[in-house]
C-alpha cells in the first residue's frame, strides 16, 4: 500500500512544522515535520539552516514513504487506507523496528503489529497504540494525544 495525501497530512499535523532545527522530546536534533535524517542519509544537526514548509513536506514524504514500505512488509493481514495511514504515522514517530531481535522498539516487534496481523478489526488494538506514550522513559502528554488520535484514525 501507499500513503495517500490524508496520510501525509496526518503525519504533518502530528509533527507540526518548525523551520529551524530543534531538539525533539527525546533529545534528537529535528527539523521540519519531525525529520531527523535527510533524504541523503545525513543526520539533522542543530547548526543546519532554516528550511521552508515545501522543503519540509518533501522530506516528510520521502521519509514517510520509506516507513510505508516497511509497514507494507510487516502487515500480513488486509487493512484499509485509514488503518495503513495510522500505522505509518506510528512507525514514522517510533520506527519500524525491522531487526532480528524480539525487543519491541517500534512497530516490528510490537504487540500492536501482532494484533493487527491476527485480526485488524480487534478493538484491543486501540489499547496497544496507547501503550507507546513515553519519550525518554517518561509519559508525554503529546504522545498520549497522538496515540489516541492514531487509534481513532485506525478505526475510522
N, C-alpha and C. Protein backbone atom coordinates (compact mmCIF):
# COMPACT_ATOMS: atom_id res chain seq x y z
N UNK A 1 0.84 -1.18 0.00
CA UNK A 1 0.00 0.00 0.00
C UNK A 1 0.89 1.25 0.00
N UNK A 2 0.26 2.37 -0.27
CA UNK A 2 0.95 3.65 -0.26
C UNK A 2 0.15 4.64 0.59
N UNK A 3 0.86 5.58 1.19
CA UNK A 3 0.17 6.66 1.88
C UNK A 3 -0.60 7.48 0.87
N UNK A 4 -1.75 7.97 1.28
CA UNK A 4 -2.46 8.93 0.46
C UNK A 4 -2.19 10.33 1.04
N UNK A 5 -2.71 11.36 0.39
CA UNK A 5 -2.46 12.73 0.85
C UNK A 5 -2.93 12.91 2.29
N UNK A 6 -4.04 12.27 2.64
CA UNK A 6 -4.53 12.34 4.01
C UNK A 6 -3.50 11.77 4.98
N UNK A 7 -2.85 10.69 4.60
CA UNK A 7 -1.82 10.08 5.44
C UNK A 7 -0.64 11.01 5.67
N UNK A 8 -0.17 11.66 4.59
CA UNK A 8 0.93 12.63 4.75
C UNK A 8 0.50 13.78 5.66
N UNK A 9 -0.73 14.25 5.45
CA UNK A 9 -1.22 15.38 6.25
C UNK A 9 -1.39 15.01 7.72
N UNK A 10 -1.80 13.77 7.99
CA UNK A 10 -1.92 13.30 9.37
C UNK A 10 -0.56 13.41 10.06
N UNK A 11 0.47 12.92 9.40
CA UNK A 11 1.82 12.96 9.99
C UNK A 11 2.26 14.41 10.17
N UNK A 12 2.04 15.24 9.15
CA UNK A 12 2.44 16.65 9.24
C UNK A 12 1.73 17.34 10.40
N UNK A 13 0.44 17.06 10.58
CA UNK A 13 -0.31 17.67 11.68
C UNK A 13 0.23 17.21 13.03
N UNK A 14 0.51 15.92 13.16
CA UNK A 14 1.05 15.41 14.42
C UNK A 14 2.42 16.00 14.72
N UNK A 15 3.27 16.06 13.72
CA UNK A 15 4.65 16.51 13.93
C UNK A 15 4.74 18.01 14.12
N UNK A 16 3.88 18.76 13.43
CA UNK A 16 4.00 20.21 13.47
C UNK A 16 5.22 20.65 12.67
N UNK A 17 5.22 21.88 12.22
CA UNK A 17 6.31 22.38 11.39
C UNK A 17 7.19 23.34 12.18
N UNK A 18 8.49 23.11 12.05
CA UNK A 18 9.49 24.04 12.58
C UNK A 18 10.55 24.22 11.51
N UNK A 19 10.77 25.48 11.14
CA UNK A 19 11.71 25.77 10.05
C UNK A 19 13.16 25.64 10.47
N UNK A 20 13.43 25.77 11.76
CA UNK A 20 14.80 25.70 12.27
C UNK A 20 14.99 24.42 13.08
N UNK A 21 16.23 23.91 13.13
CA UNK A 21 16.48 22.70 13.93
C UNK A 21 16.11 22.90 15.40
N UNK A 22 15.62 21.84 16.01
CA UNK A 22 15.25 21.84 17.42
C UNK A 22 15.50 20.45 17.98
N UNK A 23 15.50 20.33 19.29
CA UNK A 23 15.62 19.02 19.92
C UNK A 23 14.22 18.50 20.20
N UNK A 24 13.91 17.32 19.69
CA UNK A 24 12.60 16.72 19.96
C UNK A 24 12.55 16.28 21.43
N UNK A 25 11.41 15.75 21.85
CA UNK A 25 11.24 15.36 23.25
C UNK A 25 12.20 14.27 23.68
N UNK A 26 12.77 13.53 22.72
CA UNK A 26 13.76 12.51 23.04
C UNK A 26 15.19 13.06 22.94
N UNK A 27 15.33 14.37 22.67
CA UNK A 27 16.65 15.00 22.63
C UNK A 27 17.39 14.83 21.32
N UNK A 28 16.67 14.50 20.24
CA UNK A 28 17.30 14.28 18.93
C UNK A 28 17.12 15.53 18.06
N UNK A 29 18.20 16.02 17.42
CA UNK A 29 18.05 17.15 16.50
C UNK A 29 17.06 16.82 15.39
N UNK A 30 16.13 17.74 15.18
CA UNK A 30 14.98 17.52 14.29
C UNK A 30 14.69 18.83 13.56
N UNK A 31 14.08 18.72 12.38
CA UNK A 31 13.70 19.91 11.62
C UNK A 31 12.43 19.61 10.82
N UNK A 32 11.75 20.65 10.40
CA UNK A 32 10.57 20.49 9.54
C UNK A 32 9.44 19.79 10.25
N UNK A 33 8.98 18.69 9.65
CA UNK A 33 7.88 17.89 10.20
C UNK A 33 8.44 16.61 10.84
N UNK A 34 9.31 16.76 11.82
CA UNK A 34 9.84 15.61 12.53
C UNK A 34 10.98 14.90 11.82
N UNK A 35 11.64 15.57 10.89
CA UNK A 35 12.75 14.96 10.16
C UNK A 35 14.00 14.93 11.03
N UNK A 36 14.56 13.74 11.20
CA UNK A 36 15.80 13.58 11.96
C UNK A 36 16.96 13.18 11.05
N UNK A 37 16.62 12.65 9.87
CA UNK A 37 17.62 12.27 8.87
C UNK A 37 17.13 12.76 7.51
N UNK A 38 17.98 13.47 6.81
CA UNK A 38 17.63 14.00 5.50
C UNK A 38 17.57 12.86 4.46
N UNK A 39 16.89 13.10 3.34
CA UNK A 39 16.82 12.06 2.30
C UNK A 39 18.19 11.55 1.83
N UNK A 40 19.24 12.36 1.97
CA UNK A 40 20.58 11.92 1.55
C UNK A 40 21.27 11.07 2.62
N UNK A 41 20.59 10.82 3.76
CA UNK A 41 21.13 9.99 4.82
C UNK A 41 21.86 10.74 5.92
N UNK A 42 22.08 12.04 5.73
CA UNK A 42 22.78 12.83 6.74
C UNK A 42 21.83 13.17 7.89
N UNK A 43 22.35 13.05 9.11
CA UNK A 43 21.53 13.37 10.29
C UNK A 43 21.36 14.89 10.41
N UNK A 44 20.21 15.29 10.89
CA UNK A 44 19.96 16.70 11.17
C UNK A 44 20.87 17.12 12.32
N UNK A 45 21.42 18.33 12.23
CA UNK A 45 22.21 18.90 13.32
C UNK A 45 21.59 20.22 13.75
N UNK A 46 21.96 20.67 14.91
CA UNK A 46 21.43 21.94 15.41
C UNK A 46 22.00 23.13 14.64
N UNK A 47 22.99 22.93 13.80
CA UNK A 47 23.62 24.01 13.03
C UNK A 47 23.07 24.10 11.61
N UNK A 48 22.11 23.24 11.25
CA UNK A 48 21.58 23.23 9.90
C UNK A 48 20.78 24.51 9.62
N UNK A 49 20.74 24.94 8.34
CA UNK A 49 19.99 26.16 8.00
C UNK A 49 18.47 25.94 8.05
N UNK A 50 17.77 27.03 8.16
CA UNK A 50 16.31 27.05 8.15
C UNK A 50 15.80 26.48 6.82
N UNK A 51 14.62 25.85 6.86
CA UNK A 51 14.01 25.31 5.64
C UNK A 51 12.58 25.82 5.49
N UNK A 52 12.05 25.74 4.28
CA UNK A 52 10.68 26.16 4.00
C UNK A 52 9.70 25.01 4.30
N UNK A 53 8.42 25.36 4.36
CA UNK A 53 7.39 24.33 4.55
C UNK A 53 7.39 23.34 3.38
N UNK A 54 7.57 23.86 2.17
CA UNK A 54 7.57 22.98 0.99
C UNK A 54 8.74 21.99 1.05
N UNK A 55 9.90 22.47 1.43
CA UNK A 55 11.06 21.58 1.56
C UNK A 55 10.79 20.55 2.65
N UNK A 56 10.27 21.02 3.78
CA UNK A 56 9.98 20.11 4.90
C UNK A 56 8.96 19.05 4.49
N UNK A 57 7.94 19.43 3.73
CA UNK A 57 6.93 18.46 3.31
C UNK A 57 7.54 17.44 2.35
N UNK A 58 8.47 17.88 1.52
CA UNK A 58 9.18 16.95 0.64
C UNK A 58 9.99 15.94 1.45
N UNK A 59 10.66 16.41 2.50
CA UNK A 59 11.39 15.49 3.39
C UNK A 59 10.43 14.51 4.05
N UNK A 60 9.31 15.03 4.54
CA UNK A 60 8.31 14.18 5.20
C UNK A 60 7.86 13.09 4.24
N UNK A 61 7.52 13.46 3.01
CA UNK A 61 7.04 12.47 2.04
C UNK A 61 8.10 11.40 1.77
N UNK A 62 9.33 11.82 1.59
CA UNK A 62 10.40 10.87 1.31
C UNK A 62 10.54 9.86 2.46
N UNK A 63 10.66 10.37 3.67
CA UNK A 63 10.86 9.50 4.84
C UNK A 63 9.60 8.67 5.12
N UNK A 64 8.42 9.29 5.03
CA UNK A 64 7.17 8.56 5.27
C UNK A 64 6.99 7.42 4.27
N UNK A 65 7.41 7.63 3.04
CA UNK A 65 7.32 6.56 2.03
C UNK A 65 8.21 5.37 2.40
N UNK A 66 9.36 5.63 3.01
CA UNK A 66 10.21 4.54 3.49
C UNK A 66 9.49 3.74 4.58
N UNK A 67 8.85 4.46 5.50
CA UNK A 67 8.10 3.78 6.56
C UNK A 67 6.88 3.06 5.99
N UNK A 68 6.27 3.62 4.95
CA UNK A 68 5.13 2.96 4.31
C UNK A 68 5.55 1.62 3.72
N UNK A 69 6.74 1.57 3.12
CA UNK A 69 7.25 0.30 2.59
C UNK A 69 7.47 -0.71 3.71
N UNK A 70 8.02 -0.22 4.83
CA UNK A 70 8.22 -1.10 5.99
C UNK A 70 6.89 -1.65 6.49
N UNK A 71 5.90 -0.77 6.65
CA UNK A 71 4.59 -1.19 7.14
C UNK A 71 3.98 -2.20 6.18
N UNK A 72 4.10 -1.97 4.88
CA UNK A 72 3.58 -2.90 3.89
C UNK A 72 4.21 -4.28 4.05
N UNK A 73 5.50 -4.32 4.35
CA UNK A 73 6.17 -5.61 4.50
C UNK A 73 5.84 -6.28 5.84
N UNK A 74 5.53 -5.49 6.85
CA UNK A 74 5.25 -6.04 8.18
C UNK A 74 3.81 -6.53 8.36
N UNK A 75 2.87 -5.83 7.74
CA UNK A 75 1.45 -6.16 7.92
C UNK A 75 1.08 -7.29 6.97
N UNK A 76 0.62 -8.37 7.53
CA UNK A 76 0.28 -9.56 6.74
C UNK A 76 -1.23 -9.71 6.52
N UNK A 77 -2.03 -8.92 7.20
CA UNK A 77 -3.48 -9.00 7.05
C UNK A 77 -3.95 -7.88 6.11
N UNK A 78 -5.18 -8.01 5.65
CA UNK A 78 -5.75 -6.99 4.76
C UNK A 78 -6.26 -5.84 5.62
N UNK A 79 -5.72 -4.64 5.36
CA UNK A 79 -6.15 -3.45 6.10
C UNK A 79 -6.61 -2.39 5.11
N UNK A 80 -7.36 -1.43 5.61
CA UNK A 80 -7.85 -0.35 4.75
C UNK A 80 -6.90 0.85 4.80
N UNK A 81 -7.20 1.87 4.01
CA UNK A 81 -6.31 3.03 3.91
C UNK A 81 -6.15 3.76 5.24
N UNK A 82 -7.22 3.93 6.00
CA UNK A 82 -7.13 4.62 7.30
C UNK A 82 -6.24 3.83 8.26
N UNK A 83 -6.38 2.53 8.26
CA UNK A 83 -5.55 1.69 9.13
C UNK A 83 -4.08 1.81 8.72
N UNK A 84 -3.84 1.79 7.42
CA UNK A 84 -2.48 1.93 6.92
C UNK A 84 -1.89 3.28 7.30
N UNK A 85 -2.65 4.36 7.09
CA UNK A 85 -2.18 5.70 7.43
C UNK A 85 -1.81 5.79 8.91
N UNK A 86 -2.65 5.23 9.78
CA UNK A 86 -2.38 5.27 11.22
C UNK A 86 -1.12 4.50 11.57
N UNK A 87 -0.92 3.34 10.96
CA UNK A 87 0.26 2.53 11.24
C UNK A 87 1.54 3.19 10.72
N UNK A 88 1.46 3.85 9.58
CA UNK A 88 2.64 4.55 9.06
C UNK A 88 2.95 5.75 9.96
N UNK A 89 1.94 6.46 10.42
CA UNK A 89 2.17 7.56 11.36
C UNK A 89 2.88 7.06 12.61
N UNK A 90 2.42 5.93 13.13
CA UNK A 90 3.03 5.31 14.31
C UNK A 90 4.50 4.98 14.03
N UNK A 91 4.77 4.34 12.88
CA UNK A 91 6.14 3.96 12.53
C UNK A 91 7.01 5.20 12.28
N UNK A 92 6.45 6.23 11.67
CA UNK A 92 7.20 7.47 11.42
C UNK A 92 7.67 8.06 12.74
N UNK A 93 6.85 7.98 13.75
CA UNK A 93 7.17 8.55 15.06
C UNK A 93 8.08 7.65 15.89
N UNK A 94 7.89 6.34 15.81
CA UNK A 94 8.60 5.41 16.70
C UNK A 94 9.60 4.50 16.01
N UNK A 95 9.48 4.36 14.72
CA UNK A 95 10.36 3.46 13.98
C UNK A 95 9.65 2.19 13.57
N UNK A 96 10.25 1.51 12.60
CA UNK A 96 9.69 0.27 12.08
C UNK A 96 10.14 -0.95 12.86
N UNK A 97 11.34 -0.86 13.47
CA UNK A 97 11.91 -1.96 14.24
C UNK A 97 11.97 -3.24 13.41
N UNK A 98 12.61 -3.14 12.26
CA UNK A 98 12.83 -4.33 11.44
C UNK A 98 14.25 -4.80 11.72
N UNK A 99 14.36 -5.71 12.68
CA UNK A 99 15.66 -6.28 13.02
C UNK A 99 15.46 -7.69 13.54
N UNK A 100 16.53 -8.32 13.93
CA UNK A 100 16.50 -9.74 14.29
C UNK A 100 16.11 -10.02 15.74
N UNK A 101 16.00 -8.98 16.56
CA UNK A 101 15.69 -9.25 17.97
C UNK A 101 14.18 -9.22 18.23
N UNK A 102 13.81 -9.56 19.43
CA UNK A 102 12.40 -9.53 19.85
C UNK A 102 12.12 -8.38 20.80
N UNK A 103 13.02 -7.41 20.86
CA UNK A 103 12.84 -6.27 21.75
C UNK A 103 11.93 -5.27 21.05
N UNK A 104 10.77 -4.96 21.63
CA UNK A 104 9.85 -4.03 20.97
C UNK A 104 10.35 -2.58 21.04
N UNK A 105 10.94 -2.13 19.93
CA UNK A 105 11.48 -0.78 19.84
C UNK A 105 10.70 0.06 18.82
N UNK A 106 9.66 -0.48 18.30
CA UNK A 106 8.86 0.17 17.28
C UNK A 106 7.82 -0.81 16.78
N UNK A 107 7.28 -0.55 15.62
CA UNK A 107 6.17 -1.36 15.11
C UNK A 107 6.52 -2.83 14.93
N UNK A 108 7.70 -3.16 14.41
CA UNK A 108 8.04 -4.52 14.01
C UNK A 108 7.89 -5.59 15.06
N UNK A 109 8.31 -5.32 16.29
CA UNK A 109 8.23 -6.32 17.36
C UNK A 109 7.08 -6.05 18.32
N UNK A 110 6.20 -5.16 17.97
CA UNK A 110 5.14 -4.74 18.90
C UNK A 110 3.96 -5.70 18.95
N UNK A 111 3.31 -5.71 20.08
CA UNK A 111 2.05 -6.44 20.22
C UNK A 111 0.99 -5.80 19.33
N UNK A 112 1.09 -4.50 19.11
CA UNK A 112 0.19 -3.81 18.18
C UNK A 112 0.21 -4.51 16.82
N UNK A 113 1.40 -4.72 16.27
CA UNK A 113 1.51 -5.39 14.96
C UNK A 113 0.98 -6.81 15.03
N UNK A 114 1.29 -7.52 16.09
CA UNK A 114 0.81 -8.90 16.22
C UNK A 114 -0.71 -8.95 16.19
N UNK A 115 -1.35 -7.99 16.88
CA UNK A 115 -2.82 -7.97 16.90
C UNK A 115 -3.39 -7.56 15.54
N UNK A 116 -2.75 -6.61 14.87
CA UNK A 116 -3.19 -6.22 13.53
C UNK A 116 -3.11 -7.43 12.59
N UNK A 117 -2.03 -8.17 12.68
CA UNK A 117 -1.86 -9.33 11.80
C UNK A 117 -2.81 -10.48 12.13
N UNK A 118 -3.20 -10.60 13.39
CA UNK A 118 -4.16 -11.65 13.77
C UNK A 118 -5.57 -11.28 13.36
N UNK A 119 -5.95 -10.03 13.66
CA UNK A 119 -7.31 -9.58 13.36
C UNK A 119 -7.31 -8.05 13.33
N UNK A 120 -7.24 -7.43 12.15
CA UNK A 120 -7.15 -5.97 12.08
C UNK A 120 -8.36 -5.23 12.60
N UNK A 121 -9.43 -5.95 12.92
CA UNK A 121 -10.63 -5.32 13.49
C UNK A 121 -10.72 -5.47 15.00
N UNK A 122 -9.74 -6.08 15.62
CA UNK A 122 -9.74 -6.32 17.07
C UNK A 122 -9.75 -4.98 17.82
N UNK A 123 -10.79 -4.72 18.63
CA UNK A 123 -10.86 -3.45 19.36
C UNK A 123 -9.70 -3.25 20.34
N UNK A 124 -9.03 -4.32 20.75
CA UNK A 124 -7.89 -4.22 21.67
C UNK A 124 -6.70 -3.51 21.02
N UNK A 125 -6.72 -3.34 19.73
CA UNK A 125 -5.65 -2.64 19.03
C UNK A 125 -5.54 -1.21 19.54
N UNK A 126 -6.65 -0.59 19.87
CA UNK A 126 -6.63 0.79 20.37
C UNK A 126 -5.77 0.91 21.63
N UNK A 127 -5.88 -0.07 22.52
CA UNK A 127 -5.08 -0.01 23.76
C UNK A 127 -3.60 -0.26 23.48
N UNK A 128 -3.29 -0.95 22.38
CA UNK A 128 -1.89 -1.16 22.02
C UNK A 128 -1.24 0.13 21.53
N UNK A 129 -1.99 0.93 20.78
CA UNK A 129 -1.47 2.25 20.41
C UNK A 129 -1.14 3.04 21.67
N UNK A 130 -2.05 3.01 22.64
CA UNK A 130 -1.92 3.83 23.85
C UNK A 130 -0.69 3.49 24.68
N UNK A 131 -0.18 2.29 24.56
CA UNK A 131 0.99 1.88 25.36
C UNK A 131 2.26 2.63 24.97
N UNK A 132 2.30 3.16 23.78
CA UNK A 132 3.51 3.81 23.25
C UNK A 132 3.44 5.32 23.50
N UNK A 133 3.51 5.70 24.76
CA UNK A 133 3.26 7.09 25.15
C UNK A 133 4.43 7.76 25.88
N UNK A 134 5.63 7.17 25.78
CA UNK A 134 6.76 7.70 26.53
C UNK A 134 7.85 8.25 25.61
N UNK A 135 8.49 9.31 26.10
CA UNK A 135 9.69 9.87 25.47
C UNK A 135 10.75 9.93 26.56
N UNK A 136 11.89 9.36 26.30
CA UNK A 136 12.98 9.30 27.29
C UNK A 136 12.50 8.69 28.61
N UNK A 137 11.62 7.68 28.53
CA UNK A 137 11.16 6.96 29.71
C UNK A 137 10.05 7.61 30.49
N UNK A 138 9.58 8.77 30.06
CA UNK A 138 8.53 9.50 30.78
C UNK A 138 7.30 9.65 29.90
N UNK A 139 6.12 9.50 30.51
CA UNK A 139 4.88 9.69 29.77
C UNK A 139 4.82 11.11 29.23
N UNK A 140 4.53 11.23 27.95
CA UNK A 140 4.43 12.52 27.27
C UNK A 140 2.96 12.78 26.94
N UNK A 141 2.44 13.91 27.39
CA UNK A 141 1.04 14.22 27.09
C UNK A 141 0.82 14.33 25.58
N UNK A 142 1.83 14.83 24.86
CA UNK A 142 1.72 14.91 23.40
C UNK A 142 1.60 13.54 22.76
N UNK A 143 2.38 12.57 23.28
CA UNK A 143 2.30 11.21 22.73
C UNK A 143 1.01 10.51 23.14
N UNK A 144 0.50 10.80 24.33
CA UNK A 144 -0.79 10.25 24.74
C UNK A 144 -1.87 10.70 23.75
N UNK A 145 -1.85 11.98 23.41
CA UNK A 145 -2.84 12.52 22.46
C UNK A 145 -2.64 11.94 21.07
N UNK A 146 -1.38 11.85 20.65
CA UNK A 146 -1.10 11.32 19.31
C UNK A 146 -1.57 9.88 19.18
N UNK A 147 -1.24 9.04 20.16
CA UNK A 147 -1.65 7.64 20.10
C UNK A 147 -3.18 7.51 20.10
N UNK A 148 -3.87 8.34 20.87
CA UNK A 148 -5.35 8.29 20.89
C UNK A 148 -5.89 8.67 19.50
N UNK A 149 -5.30 9.68 18.88
CA UNK A 149 -5.75 10.09 17.54
C UNK A 149 -5.42 9.03 16.50
N UNK A 150 -4.23 8.42 16.60
CA UNK A 150 -3.89 7.36 15.65
C UNK A 150 -4.86 6.19 15.78
N UNK A 151 -5.21 5.84 17.01
CA UNK A 151 -6.18 4.76 17.21
C UNK A 151 -7.54 5.13 16.61
N UNK A 152 -7.93 6.37 16.78
CA UNK A 152 -9.21 6.83 16.23
C UNK A 152 -9.17 6.78 14.70
N UNK A 153 -8.07 7.21 14.10
CA UNK A 153 -7.92 7.14 12.64
C UNK A 153 -7.94 5.68 12.20
N UNK A 154 -7.24 4.82 12.93
CA UNK A 154 -7.17 3.41 12.58
C UNK A 154 -8.58 2.80 12.50
N UNK A 155 -9.45 3.18 13.42
CA UNK A 155 -10.79 2.60 13.46
C UNK A 155 -11.84 3.46 12.73
N UNK A 156 -11.40 4.47 11.97
CA UNK A 156 -12.39 5.31 11.27
C UNK A 156 -12.79 4.71 9.93
